PDB file of N, CA and C in Angstrom:
ATOM      1  N   UNK A   1       1.156  -5.886  -5.325  1.00  0.00           N
ATOM      2  CA  UNK A   1       1.103  -4.634  -4.569  1.00  0.00           C
ATOM      3  C   UNK A   1       2.421  -4.419  -3.834  1.00  0.00           C
ATOM      4  N   UNK A   2       2.946  -5.475  -3.227  1.00  0.00           N
ATOM      5  CA  UNK A   2       4.197  -5.339  -2.467  1.00  0.00           C
ATOM      6  C   UNK A   2       5.322  -4.860  -3.364  1.00  0.00           C
ATOM      7  N   UNK A   3       5.407  -5.415  -4.586  1.00  0.00           N
ATOM      8  CA  UNK A   3       6.481  -5.018  -5.510  1.00  0.00           C
ATOM      9  C   UNK A   3       6.305  -3.549  -5.882  1.00  0.00           C
ATOM     10  N   UNK A   4       5.080  -3.150  -6.170  1.00  0.00           N
ATOM     11  CA  UNK A   4       4.823  -1.769  -6.565  1.00  0.00           C
ATOM     12  C   UNK A   4       5.200  -0.824  -5.433  1.00  0.00           C
ATOM     13  N   UNK A   5       4.862  -1.217  -4.210  1.00  0.00           N
ATOM     14  CA  UNK A   5       5.183  -0.370  -3.056  1.00  0.00           C
ATOM     15  C   UNK A   5       6.685  -0.243  -2.905  1.00  0.00           C
ATOM     16  N   UNK A   6       7.409  -1.359  -3.069  1.00  0.00           N
ATOM     17  CA  UNK A   6       8.864  -1.323  -2.934  1.00  0.00           C
ATOM     18  C   UNK A   6       9.459  -0.397  -3.981  1.00  0.00           C
ATOM     19  N   UNK A   7       8.950  -0.459  -5.209  1.00  0.00           N
ATOM     20  CA  UNK A   7       9.450   0.412  -6.267  1.00  0.00           C
ATOM     21  C   UNK A   7       9.157   1.866  -5.917  1.00  0.00           C
ATOM     22  N   UNK A   8       7.985   2.113  -5.343  1.00  0.00           N
ATOM     23  CA  UNK A   8       7.614   3.472  -4.963  1.00  0.00           C
ATOM     24  C   UNK A   8       8.568   3.994  -3.902  1.00  0.00           C
ATOM     25  N   UNK A   9       8.930   3.139  -2.947  1.00  0.00           N
ATOM     26  CA  UNK A   9       9.836   3.552  -1.876  1.00  0.00           C
ATOM     27  C   UNK A   9      11.184   3.945  -2.466  1.00  0.00           C
ATOM     28  N   UNK A  10      11.635   3.226  -3.481  1.00  0.00           N
ATOM     29  CA  UNK A  10      12.929   3.529  -4.098  1.00  0.00           C
ATOM     30  C   UNK A  10      12.864   4.863  -4.829  1.00  0.00           C
ATOM     31  N   UNK A  11      11.717   5.158  -5.432  1.00  0.00           N
ATOM     32  CA  UNK A  11      11.575   6.388  -6.209  1.00  0.00           C
ATOM     33  C   UNK A  11      11.160   7.573  -5.343  1.00  0.00           C
ATOM     34  N   UNK A  12      10.624   7.303  -4.151  1.00  0.00           N
ATOM     35  CA  UNK A  12      10.150   8.396  -3.297  1.00  0.00           C
ATOM     36  C   UNK A  12      10.752   8.273  -1.907  1.00  0.00           C
ATOM     37  N   UNK A  13      10.345   9.145  -1.008  1.00  0.00           N
ATOM     38  CA  UNK A  13      10.863   9.101   0.360  1.00  0.00           C
ATOM     39  C   UNK A  13      10.294   7.897   1.101  1.00  0.00           C
ATOM     40  N   UNK A  14      11.038   7.346   2.053  1.00  0.00           N
ATOM     41  CA  UNK A  14      10.569   6.197   2.839  1.00  0.00           C
ATOM     42  C   UNK A  14       9.238   6.482   3.520  1.00  0.00           C
ATOM     43  N   UNK A  15       9.058   7.703   3.979  1.00  0.00           N
ATOM     44  CA  UNK A  15       7.805   8.031   4.670  1.00  0.00           C
ATOM     45  C   UNK A  15       6.623   7.856   3.720  1.00  0.00           C
ATOM     46  N   UNK A  16       6.782   8.316   2.471  1.00  0.00           N
ATOM     47  CA  UNK A  16       5.699   8.170   1.490  1.00  0.00           C
ATOM     48  C   UNK A  16       5.453   6.698   1.223  1.00  0.00           C
ATOM     49  N   UNK A  17       6.533   5.906   1.163  1.00  0.00           N
ATOM     50  CA  UNK A  17       6.391   4.466   0.939  1.00  0.00           C
ATOM     51  C   UNK A  17       5.569   3.836   2.046  1.00  0.00           C
ATOM     52  N   UNK A  18       5.828   4.270   3.289  1.00  0.00           N
ATOM     53  CA  UNK A  18       5.076   3.717   4.419  1.00  0.00           C
ATOM     54  C   UNK A  18       3.602   4.092   4.294  1.00  0.00           C
ATOM     55  N   UNK A  19       3.343   5.340   3.896  1.00  0.00           N
ATOM     56  CA  UNK A  19       1.951   5.773   3.742  1.00  0.00           C
ATOM     57  C   UNK A  19       1.266   4.933   2.674  1.00  0.00           C
ATOM     58  N   UNK A  20       1.977   4.671   1.566  1.00  0.00           N
ATOM     59  CA  UNK A  20       1.395   3.861   0.493  1.00  0.00           C
ATOM     60  C   UNK A  20       1.124   2.453   0.996  1.00  0.00           C
ATOM     61  N   UNK A  21       2.057   1.922   1.800  1.00  0.00           N
ATOM     62  CA  UNK A  21       1.882   0.563   2.334  1.00  0.00           C
ATOM     63  C   UNK A  21       0.660   0.518   3.240  1.00  0.00           C
ATOM     64  N   UNK A  22       0.542   1.500   4.138  1.00  0.00           N
ATOM     65  CA  UNK A  22      -0.597   1.534   5.065  1.00  0.00           C
ATOM     66  C   UNK A  22      -1.894   1.700   4.272  1.00  0.00           C
ATOM     67  N   UNK A  23      -1.873   2.586   3.270  1.00  0.00           N
ATOM     68  CA  UNK A  23      -3.069   2.815   2.459  1.00  0.00           C
ATOM     69  C   UNK A  23      -3.480   1.532   1.744  1.00  0.00           C
ATOM     70  N   UNK A  24      -2.489   0.799   1.216  1.00  0.00           N
ATOM     71  CA  UNK A  24      -2.780  -0.455   0.510  1.00  0.00           C
ATOM     72  C   UNK A  24      -3.412  -1.453   1.465  1.00  0.00           C
ATOM     73  N   UNK A  25      -2.854  -1.563   2.681  1.00  0.00           N
ATOM     74  CA  UNK A  25      -3.390  -2.512   3.665  1.00  0.00           C
ATOM     75  C   UNK A  25      -4.814  -2.126   4.033  1.00  0.00           C
ATOM     76  N   UNK A  26      -5.047  -0.836   4.258  1.00  0.00           N
ATOM     77  CA  UNK A  26      -6.388  -0.394   4.635  1.00  0.00           C
ATOM     78  C   UNK A  26      -7.358  -0.652   3.491  1.00  0.00           C
ATOM     79  N   UNK A  27      -6.917  -0.419   2.260  1.00  0.00           N
ATOM     80  CA  UNK A  27      -7.780  -0.646   1.103  1.00  0.00           C
ATOM     81  C   UNK A  27      -8.150  -2.117   1.018  1.00  0.00           C
ATOM     82  N   UNK A  28      -7.173  -2.999   1.230  1.00  0.00           N
ATOM     83  CA  UNK A  28      -7.448  -4.438   1.173  1.00  0.00           C
ATOM     84  C   UNK A  28      -8.449  -4.813   2.262  1.00  0.00           C
ATOM     85  N   UNK A  29      -8.285  -4.271   3.454  1.00  0.00           N
ATOM     86  CA  UNK A  29      -9.182  -4.603   4.563  1.00  0.00           C
ATOM     87  C   UNK A  29     -10.599  -4.105   4.270  1.00  0.00           C
ATOM     88  N   UNK A  30     -10.693  -2.986   3.552  1.00  0.00           N
ATOM     89  CA  UNK A  30     -12.013  -2.428   3.266  1.00  0.00           C
ATOM     90  C   UNK A  30     -12.692  -3.181   2.119  1.00  0.00           C
ATOM     91  N   UNK A  31     -11.899  -3.636   1.152  1.00  0.00           N
ATOM     92  CA  UNK A  31     -12.489  -4.282  -0.023  1.00  0.00           C
ATOM     93  C   UNK A  31     -12.835  -5.740   0.253  1.00  0.00           C
ATOM     94  N   UNK A  32     -12.054  -6.422   1.075  1.00  0.00           N
ATOM     95  CA  UNK A  32     -12.296  -7.845   1.338  1.00  0.00           C
ATOM     96  C   UNK A  32     -13.708  -8.094   1.892  1.00  0.00           C
ATOM     97  N   UNK A  33     -14.170  -7.351   2.894  1.00  0.00           N
ATOM     98  CA  UNK A  33     -15.530  -7.561   3.416  1.00  0.00           C
ATOM     99  C   UNK A  33     -16.580  -7.300   2.335  1.00  0.00           C
ATOM    100  N   UNK A  34     -16.329  -6.321   1.469  1.00  0.00           N
ATOM    101  CA  UNK A  34     -17.295  -5.995   0.419  1.00  0.00           C
ATOM    102  C   UNK A  34     -17.415  -7.161  -0.557  1.00  0.00           C
ATOM    103  N   UNK A  35     -16.276  -7.771  -0.898  1.00  0.00           N
ATOM    104  CA  UNK A  35     -16.295  -8.890  -1.839  1.00  0.00           C
ATOM    105  C   UNK A  35     -16.962 -10.101  -1.207  1.00  0.00           C
ATOM    106  N   UNK A  36     -16.726 -10.309   0.093  1.00  0.00           N
ATOM    107  CA  UNK A  36     -17.285 -11.477   0.777  1.00  0.00           C
ATOM    108  C   UNK A  36     -18.668 -11.120   1.338  1.00  0.00           C
TER     109      UNK A  36
END
């Protein structure tokens, strides 16, 4: 995920990269409890 986000930041604006990073973190936090 980190690599994909970094590539996204290079291809898009830094602000969008930050949003993708935050979204990824929130998604992980939401999915982890469901799996456990």
